[in-house]
C-alpha cells in the first residue's frame, strides 16, 4: 500500500474537501475527526482510515500519535487542518482558552511532526508537511486573539521544520482568509465580507485543494506560505 497522507480535522469544510480530493486521486488517506459526522462514513466508504482525536489535551495528543504511528511505518504527507475557532467573548477563563488554542494549533502539530519524522523521511518519494494557518497570523484579531496567536506560532513552526527536515521533507503553510461562508450567514454579512478582498469572491474549499495539489507537485518549494486571501492584504 502507498504511504498514506494524514489529514487532521477532516470531517467538514476544507479538511473534508482535501481528504475527498486526495482519495479521488488514489492516495491512501488517514483522517482524524473530533466530532462524528455523516461525512466520516462517506470518507470511510471511499477508502479512508478514520481516527477519533481531540487535540485539546496532552493525553489525547499522546493517544492520537500512538494510533497514527500504528497505521503505517511511512507517511507521504501530513496536513495539519484540525482547528478550534474560539473567541475571547465566549470564554471567561482566558488562561484555558489560550492553552487550548496553543495545544490544538501548535503543540499537536509540533509533536506529531516530531513523532513522524522517520516515517516521513523514509517515504519513497519526497514527502510534505502542510500547516493550515490563517490570514490573521500576520494581522492579529481583536475578537480571536488567542486563536490568532496560536496560528502565528504554527506559521513559525513551518520555518523551523522546513530547516530541520530538509531535504527529505518539504514544509509549507497555507494561510486562507474567508474561503467559505457558514450556514446561516446573512446577506449583509456576506456583502461586507466580499468587499474585504480585491477579488470580491468567496472561492470555496476547492481553493485549498488546489493549493495542496500545487505543494504536492512542487519539487522546490519549502518554508513558504501560500496566501489564499484574494488580495485582502492590499485593501
C-alpha atoms as a PDB file:
ATOM      1  CA  UNK A   1       0.000   0.000   0.000  1.00  0.00           C
ATOM      2  CA  UNK A   2       1.232   3.502  -0.812  1.00  0.00           C
ATOM      3  CA  UNK A   3       2.414   5.626   2.090  1.00  0.00           C
ATOM      4  CA  UNK A   4      -0.676   7.421   3.389  1.00  0.00           C
ATOM      5  CA  UNK A   5      -1.490  11.084   3.721  1.00  0.00           C
ATOM      6  CA  UNK A   6      -2.596  12.131   7.210  1.00  0.00           C
ATOM      7  CA  UNK A   7      -5.164  14.942   7.443  1.00  0.00           C
ATOM      8  CA  UNK A   8      -6.227  16.140  10.874  1.00  0.00           C
ATOM      9  CA  UNK A   9      -9.687  17.616  11.326  1.00  0.00           C
ATOM     10  CA  UNK A  10     -11.223  16.267   8.123  1.00  0.00           C
ATOM     11  CA  UNK A  11     -14.900  15.930   8.982  1.00  0.00           C
ATOM     12  CA  UNK A  12     -16.038  19.181   7.364  1.00  0.00           C
ATOM     13  CA  UNK A  13     -15.207  22.202   5.218  1.00  0.00           C
ATOM     14  CA  UNK A  14     -11.601  22.436   3.972  1.00  0.00           C
ATOM     15  CA  UNK A  15     -10.393  19.219   5.604  1.00  0.00           C
ATOM     16  CA  UNK A  16     -13.234  17.210   4.111  1.00  0.00           C
ATOM     17  CA  UNK A  17     -12.639  18.671   0.644  1.00  0.00           C
ATOM     18  CA  UNK A  18      -8.910  17.928   0.793  1.00  0.00           C
ATOM     19  CA  UNK A  19      -9.455  14.374   2.027  1.00  0.00           C
ATOM     20  CA  UNK A  20     -12.077  13.635  -0.613  1.00  0.00           C
ATOM     21  CA  UNK A  21      -9.887  15.021  -3.407  1.00  0.00           C
ATOM     22  CA  UNK A  22      -6.823  13.029  -2.345  1.00  0.00           C
ATOM     23  CA  UNK A  23      -8.881   9.844  -2.145  1.00  0.00           C
ATOM     24  CA  UNK A  24     -10.174  10.506  -5.659  1.00  0.00           C
ATOM     25  CA  UNK A  25      -6.546  10.881  -6.805  1.00  0.00           C
ATOM     26  CA  UNK A  26      -5.725   7.412  -5.482  1.00  0.00           C
ATOM     27  CA  UNK A  27      -3.957   8.318  -2.248  1.00  0.00           C
ATOM     28  CA  UNK A  28      -4.375   6.257   0.884  1.00  0.00           C
ATOM     29  CA  UNK A  29      -5.729   8.834   3.348  1.00  0.00           C
ATOM     30  CA  UNK A  30      -5.837   8.725   7.140  1.00  0.00           C
ATOM     31  CA  UNK A  31      -8.151  11.306   8.683  1.00  0.00           C
ATOM     32  CA  UNK A  32      -8.802  12.396  12.229  1.00  0.00           C
ATOM     33  CA  UNK A  33     -12.050  13.915  13.438  1.00  0.00           C
ATOM     34  CA  UNK A  34     -13.204  15.404  16.723  1.00  0.00           C
ATOM     35  CA  UNK A  35     -16.973  15.150  16.160  1.00  0.00           C
ATOM     36  CA  UNK A  36     -18.521  12.220  14.297  1.00  0.00           C
ATOM     37  CA  UNK A  37     -20.471  13.413  11.258  1.00  0.00           C
ATOM     38  CA  UNK A  38     -22.007  11.580   8.277  1.00  0.00           C
ATOM     39  CA  UNK A  39     -19.060  12.824   6.213  1.00  0.00           C
ATOM     40  CA  UNK A  40     -16.756  10.467   8.116  1.00  0.00           C
ATOM     41  CA  UNK A  41     -18.744   7.445   6.934  1.00  0.00           C
ATOM     42  CA  UNK A  42     -18.567   8.848   3.413  1.00  0.00           C
ATOM     43  CA  UNK A  43     -14.771   9.084   3.645  1.00  0.00           C
ATOM     44  CA  UNK A  44     -14.619   5.529   5.014  1.00  0.00           C
ATOM     45  CA  UNK A  45     -16.714   4.305   2.082  1.00  0.00           C
ATOM     46  CA  UNK A  46     -14.176   5.929  -0.258  1.00  0.00           C
ATOM     47  CA  UNK A  47     -11.335   4.056   1.462  1.00  0.00           C
ATOM     48  CA  UNK A  48     -10.097   6.402   4.192  1.00  0.00           C
ATOM     49  CA  UNK A  49      -8.833   5.186   7.553  1.00  0.00           C
ATOM     50  CA  UNK A  50     -10.508   7.251  10.269  1.00  0.00           C
ATOM     51  CA  UNK A  51      -9.456   8.057  13.832  1.00  0.00           C
ATOM     52  CA  UNK A  52     -11.311   9.970  16.528  1.00  0.00           C
ATOM     53  CA  UNK A  53      -8.921  12.504  18.049  1.00  0.00           C
ATOM     54  CA  UNK A  54      -9.269  15.621  20.180  1.00  0.00           C
ATOM     55  CA  UNK A  55      -6.054  17.623  20.324  1.00  0.00           C
ATOM     56  CA  UNK A  56      -7.094  19.855  23.229  1.00  0.00           C
ATOM     57  CA  UNK A  57      -5.248  17.808  25.892  1.00  0.00           C
ATOM     58  CA  UNK A  58      -1.756  16.329  26.108  1.00  0.00           C
ATOM     59  CA  UNK A  59      -3.179  12.884  26.866  1.00  0.00           C
ATOM     60  CA  UNK A  60      -5.373  12.965  23.766  1.00  0.00           C
ATOM     61  CA  UNK A  61      -2.394  14.029  21.632  1.00  0.00           C
ATOM     62  CA  UNK A  62      -0.402  11.091  23.048  1.00  0.00           C
ATOM     63  CA  UNK A  63      -3.173   8.646  22.111  1.00  0.00           C
ATOM     64  CA  UNK A  64      -3.521  10.073  18.624  1.00  0.00           C
ATOM     65  CA  UNK A  65       0.210   9.820  17.953  1.00  0.00           C
ATOM     66  CA  UNK A  66       0.278   6.182  19.048  1.00  0.00           C
ATOM     67  CA  UNK A  67      -2.672   5.333  16.782  1.00  0.00           C
ATOM     68  CA  UNK A  68      -1.271   7.259  13.810  1.00  0.00           C
ATOM     69  CA  UNK A  69       2.121   5.543  14.090  1.00  0.00           C
ATOM     70  CA  UNK A  70       0.466   2.128  14.363  1.00  0.00           C
ATOM     71  CA  UNK A  71      -1.276   2.559  10.991  1.00  0.00           C
ATOM     72  CA  UNK A  72       1.826   2.917   8.818  1.00  0.00           C
ATOM     73  CA  UNK A  73       5.609   2.945   9.099  1.00  0.00           C
ATOM     74  CA  UNK A  74       5.871   5.635   6.432  1.00  0.00           C
ATOM     75  CA  UNK A  75       3.777   8.700   5.524  1.00  0.00           C
ATOM     76  CA  UNK A  76       3.610  10.597   2.240  1.00  0.00           C
ATOM     77  CA  UNK A  77       2.355  13.779   3.902  1.00  0.00           C
ATOM     78  CA  UNK A  78       0.805  15.340   6.970  1.00  0.00           C
ATOM     79  CA  UNK A  79      -1.749  18.127   6.602  1.00  0.00           C
ATOM     80  CA  UNK A  80      -2.460  19.852   9.906  1.00  0.00           C
ATOM     81  CA  UNK A  81      -6.001  21.132   9.490  1.00  0.00           C
ATOM     82  CA  UNK A  82      -7.578  20.471  12.919  1.00  0.00           C
ATOM     83  CA  UNK A  83      -8.774  23.785  14.282  1.00  0.00           C
ATOM     84  CA  UNK A  84     -10.801  25.443  17.022  1.00  0.00           C
ATOM     85  CA  UNK A  85     -12.067  28.941  16.226  1.00  0.00           C
ATOM     86  CA  UNK A  86     -12.850  30.019  19.790  1.00  0.00           C
ATOM     87  CA  UNK A  87     -13.104  33.697  20.674  1.00  0.00           C
ATOM     88  CA  UNK A  88     -12.488  35.683  23.839  1.00  0.00           C
ATOM     89  CA  UNK A  89     -16.068  36.864  24.406  1.00  0.00           C
ATOM     90  CA  UNK A  90     -17.339  33.281  24.729  1.00  0.00           C
ATOM     91  CA  UNK A  91     -14.643  32.192  27.217  1.00  0.00           C
ATOM     92  CA  UNK A  92     -14.387  33.584  30.743  1.00  0.00           C
ATOM     93  CA  UNK A  93     -11.269  31.545  31.540  1.00  0.00           C
ATOM     94  CA  UNK A  94      -8.720  33.212  29.277  1.00  0.00           C
ATOM     95  CA  UNK A  95      -5.853  31.039  30.545  1.00  0.00           C
ATOM     96  CA  UNK A  96      -7.674  27.881  29.495  1.00  0.00           C
ATOM     97  CA  UNK A  97      -8.606  29.483  26.196  1.00  0.00           C
ATOM     98  CA  UNK A  98      -5.086  30.285  25.061  1.00  0.00           C
ATOM     99  CA  UNK A  99      -3.808  26.984  26.438  1.00  0.00           C
ATOM    100  CA  UNK A 100      -6.378  25.114  24.330  1.00  0.00           C
ATOM    101  CA  UNK A 101      -5.647  27.180  21.231  1.00  0.00           C
ATOM    102  CA  UNK A 102      -1.918  26.500  21.558  1.00  0.00           C
ATOM    103  CA  UNK A 103      -2.474  22.776  22.117  1.00  0.00           C
ATOM    104  CA  UNK A 104      -4.679  22.379  19.042  1.00  0.00           C
ATOM    105  CA  UNK A 105      -2.841  24.673  16.636  1.00  0.00           C
ATOM    106  CA  UNK A 106       0.808  24.473  17.742  1.00  0.00           C
ATOM    107  CA  UNK A 107       1.561  21.738  20.281  1.00  0.00           C
ATOM    108  CA  UNK A 108      -0.249  18.939  18.414  1.00  0.00           C
ATOM    109  CA  UNK A 109       1.391  19.723  15.029  1.00  0.00           C
ATOM    110  CA  UNK A 110       4.790  20.138  16.715  1.00  0.00           C
ATOM    111  CA  UNK A 111       4.554  16.787  18.467  1.00  0.00           C
ATOM    112  CA  UNK A 112       3.049  14.913  15.507  1.00  0.00           C
ATOM    113  CA  UNK A 113       5.759  16.233  13.184  1.00  0.00           C
ATOM    114  CA  UNK A 114       8.488  15.095  15.542  1.00  0.00           C
ATOM    115  CA  UNK A 115       6.843  11.712  16.080  1.00  0.00           C
ATOM    116  CA  UNK A 116       6.503  11.124  12.329  1.00  0.00           C
ATOM    117  CA  UNK A 117       9.915  12.451  11.303  1.00  0.00           C
ATOM    118  CA  UNK A 118      11.289   8.998  10.453  1.00  0.00           C
ATOM    119  CA  UNK A 119       8.035   7.936   8.785  1.00  0.00           C
ATOM    120  CA  UNK A 120       8.140  10.999   6.536  1.00  0.00           C
ATOM    121  CA  UNK A 121      11.863  10.739   5.778  1.00  0.00           C
ATOM    122  CA  UNK A 122      11.582   7.019   4.943  1.00  0.00           C
ATOM    123  CA  UNK A 123       8.857   7.594   2.346  1.00  0.00           C
ATOM    124  CA  UNK A 124       9.974   6.530  -1.146  1.00  0.00           C
ATOM    125  CA  UNK A 125       9.050   9.947  -2.595  1.00  0.00           C
ATOM    126  CA  UNK A 126       9.720  13.442  -1.286  1.00  0.00           C
ATOM    127  CA  UNK A 127       7.187  13.991   1.466  1.00  0.00           C
ATOM    128  CA  UNK A 128       5.282  17.039   2.666  1.00  0.00           C
ATOM    129  CA  UNK A 129       4.085  18.711   5.816  1.00  0.00           C
ATOM    130  CA  UNK A 130       1.417  21.358   5.306  1.00  0.00           C
ATOM    131  CA  UNK A 131       0.285  23.605   8.129  1.00  0.00           C
ATOM    132  CA  UNK A 132      -3.143  25.165   7.613  1.00  0.00           C
ATOM    133  CA  UNK A 133      -2.619  28.559   9.221  1.00  0.00           C
ATOM    134  CA  UNK A 134      -4.738  31.700   8.771  1.00  0.00           C
ATOM    135  CA  UNK A 135      -4.743  35.198   7.304  1.00  0.00           C
ATOM    136  CA  UNK A 136      -4.870  36.608  10.869  1.00  0.00           C
ATOM    137  CA  UNK A 137      -1.424  35.203  11.718  1.00  0.00           C
ATOM    138  CA  UNK A 138       0.022  38.446  10.342  1.00  0.00           C
ATOM    139  CA  UNK A 139      -2.736  40.932  11.157  1.00  0.00           C
ATOM    140  CA  UNK A 140      -3.907  39.813  14.588  1.00  0.00           C
ATOM    141  CA  UNK A 141      -7.554  39.746  15.622  1.00  0.00           C
ATOM    142  CA  UNK A 142      -9.389  41.694  18.325  1.00  0.00           C
ATOM    143  CA  UNK A 143     -12.095  39.032  18.617  1.00  0.00           C
ATOM    144  CA  UNK A 144      -9.880  35.936  18.289  1.00  0.00           C
ATOM    145  CA  UNK A 145      -6.633  36.934  19.969  1.00  0.00           C
ATOM    146  CA  UNK A 146      -5.658  33.513  21.345  1.00  0.00           C
ATOM    147  CA  UNK A 147      -6.602  31.856  18.057  1.00  0.00           C
ATOM    148  CA  UNK A 148      -4.524  34.320  16.030  1.00  0.00           C
ATOM    149  CA  UNK A 149      -1.523  33.910  18.342  1.00  0.00           C
ATOM    150  CA  UNK A 150      -1.641  30.127  18.048  1.00  0.00           C
ATOM    151  CA  UNK A 151      -1.835  30.282  14.245  1.00  0.00           C
ATOM    152  CA  UNK A 152       1.174  32.615  14.246  1.00  0.00           C
ATOM    153  CA  UNK A 153       3.015  30.005  16.301  1.00  0.00           C
ATOM    154  CA  UNK A 154       2.099  27.366  13.727  1.00  0.00           C
ATOM    155  CA  UNK A 155       3.415  29.615  10.957  1.00  0.00           C
ATOM    156  CA  UNK A 156       6.746  29.871  12.775  1.00  0.00           C
ATOM    157  CA  UNK A 157       6.869  26.082  13.115  1.00  0.00           C
ATOM    158  CA  UNK A 158       6.706  25.934   9.310  1.00  0.00           C
ATOM    159  CA  UNK A 159      10.016  27.788   9.138  1.00  0.00           C
ATOM    160  CA  UNK A 160      11.674  25.674  11.818  1.00  0.00           C
ATOM    161  CA  UNK A 161      10.539  22.301  10.465  1.00  0.00           C
ATOM    162  CA  UNK A 162      11.482  23.306   6.909  1.00  0.00           C
ATOM    163  CA  UNK A 163      15.055  23.756   8.162  1.00  0.00           C
ATOM    164  CA  UNK A 164      15.047  20.645  10.314  1.00  0.00           C
ATOM    165  CA  UNK A 165      13.585  18.189   7.816  1.00  0.00           C
ATOM    166  CA  UNK A 166      15.233  19.332   4.569  1.00  0.00           C
ATOM    167  CA  UNK A 167      15.978  17.922   2.087  1.00  0.00           C
ATOM    168  CA  UNK A 168      13.726  14.894   2.601  1.00  0.00           C
ATOM    169  CA  UNK A 169      10.566  16.747   3.619  1.00  0.00           C
ATOM    170  CA  UNK A 170       9.068  19.950   2.227  1.00  0.00           C
ATOM    171  CA  UNK A 171       7.272  22.004   4.901  1.00  0.00           C
ATOM    172  CA  UNK A 172       4.885  24.805   3.972  1.00  0.00           C
ATOM    173  CA  UNK A 173       1.846  26.732   5.170  1.00  0.00           C
ATOM    174  CA  UNK A 174      -1.455  27.518   3.519  1.00  0.00           C
ATOM    175  CA  UNK A 175      -2.971  30.677   5.019  1.00  0.00           C
ATOM    176  CA  UNK A 176      -6.611  31.181   3.970  1.00  0.00           C
ATOM    177  CA  UNK A 177      -8.788  34.177   4.588  1.00  0.00           C
ATOM    178  CA  UNK A 178     -12.507  33.597   4.019  1.00  0.00           C
ATOM    179  CA  UNK A 179     -12.893  30.696   1.572  1.00  0.00           C
ATOM    180  CA  UNK A 180     -16.390  29.547   2.555  1.00  0.00           C
ATOM    181  CA  UNK A 181     -19.429  31.107   4.169  1.00  0.00           C
ATOM    182  CA  UNK A 182     -21.068  29.415   7.135  1.00  0.00           C
ATOM    183  CA  UNK A 183     -24.628  28.188   7.037  1.00  0.00           C
ATOM    184  CA  UNK A 184     -26.775  30.983   8.415  1.00  0.00           C
ATOM    185  CA  UNK A 185     -24.565  33.897   7.336  1.00  0.00           C
ATOM    186  CA  UNK A 186     -26.932  36.693   6.266  1.00  0.00           C
ATOM    187  CA  UNK A 187     -26.702  38.700   3.056  1.00  0.00           C
ATOM    188  CA  UNK A 188     -25.441  41.842   4.783  1.00  0.00           C
ATOM    189  CA  UNK A 189     -22.539  39.917   6.306  1.00  0.00           C
ATOM    190  CA  UNK A 190     -21.767  38.220   3.001  1.00  0.00           C
ATOM    191  CA  UNK A 191     -21.624  41.508   1.135  1.00  0.00           C
ATOM    192  CA  UNK A 192     -19.374  43.093   3.759  1.00  0.00           C
ATOM    193  CA  UNK A 193     -17.083  40.033   3.673  1.00  0.00           C
ATOM    194  CA  UNK A 194     -16.845  40.094  -0.119  1.00  0.00           C
ATOM    195  CA  UNK A 195     -15.702  43.699  -0.070  1.00  0.00           C
ATOM    196  CA  UNK A 196     -12.717  42.877   2.156  1.00  0.00           C
ATOM    197  CA  UNK A 197     -10.733  41.337  -0.715  1.00  0.00           C
ATOM    198  CA  UNK A 198      -9.670  42.811  -4.039  1.00  0.00           C
ATOM    199  CA  UNK A 199     -11.174  39.919  -5.985  1.00  0.00           C
ATOM    200  CA  UNK A 200     -14.519  40.137  -4.108  1.00  0.00           C
ATOM    201  CA  UNK A 201     -15.320  36.436  -4.235  1.00  0.00           C
ATOM    202  CA  UNK A 202     -15.544  33.576  -1.733  1.00  0.00           C
ATOM    203  CA  UNK A 203     -13.982  30.802  -3.832  1.00  0.00           C
ATOM    204  CA  UNK A 204     -14.906  27.739  -1.773  1.00  0.00           C
ATOM    205  CA  UNK A 205     -12.953  24.802  -0.375  1.00  0.00           C
ATOM    206  CA  UNK A 206     -11.520  23.865  -3.777  1.00  0.00           C
ATOM    207  CA  UNK A 207      -9.107  26.789  -3.490  1.00  0.00           C
ATOM    208  CA  UNK A 208      -7.418  24.961  -0.597  1.00  0.00           C
ATOM    209  CA  UNK A 209      -7.484  21.699  -2.597  1.00  0.00           C
ATOM    210  CA  UNK A 210      -5.658  23.448  -5.463  1.00  0.00           C
ATOM    211  CA  UNK A 211      -3.038  24.773  -3.045  1.00  0.00           C
ATOM    212  CA  UNK A 212      -2.407  21.300  -1.607  1.00  0.00           C
ATOM    213  CA  UNK A 213      -2.041  19.834  -5.088  1.00  0.00           C
ATOM    214  CA  UNK A 214       0.438  22.562  -6.026  1.00  0.00           C
ATOM    215  CA  UNK A 215       2.598  21.881  -2.979  1.00  0.00           C
ATOM    216  CA  UNK A 216       2.494  18.122  -3.534  1.00  0.00           C
ATOM    217  CA  UNK A 217       3.558  18.571  -7.166  1.00  0.00           C
ATOM    218  CA  UNK A 218       6.325  21.082  -6.449  1.00  0.00           C
ATOM    219  CA  UNK A 219       9.933  19.938  -6.106  1.00  0.00           C
ATOM    220  CA  UNK A 220      11.377  23.262  -4.969  1.00  0.00           C
ATOM    221  CA  UNK A 221       9.040  24.997  -2.516  1.00  0.00           C
ATOM    222  CA  UNK A 222       9.664  24.772   1.215  1.00  0.00           C
ATOM    223  CA  UNK A 223       9.423  27.134   4.167  1.00  0.00           C
ATOM    224  CA  UNK A 224       6.810  29.172   2.311  1.00  0.00           C
ATOM    225  CA  UNK A 225       3.251  30.362   2.913  1.00  0.00           C
ATOM    226  CA  UNK A 226       0.593  30.262   0.200  1.00  0.00           C
ATOM    227  CA  UNK A 227      -1.726  33.174   0.971  1.00  0.00           C
ATOM    228  CA  UNK A 228      -5.302  32.454  -0.134  1.00  0.00           C
ATOM    229  CA  UNK A 229      -6.824  35.849   0.578  1.00  0.00           C
ATOM    230  CA  UNK A 230      -7.910  37.371  -2.740  1.00  0.00           C
ATOM    231  CA  UNK A 231      -5.665  40.383  -2.222  1.00  0.00           C
ATOM    232  CA  UNK A 232      -7.217  41.196   1.137  1.00  0.00           C
ATOM    233  CA  UNK A 233      -3.868  42.378   2.477  1.00  0.00           C
ATOM    234  CA  UNK A 234      -3.937  45.244  -0.063  1.00  0.00           C
ATOM    235  CA  UNK A 235      -7.301  46.657   0.970  1.00  0.00           C
END
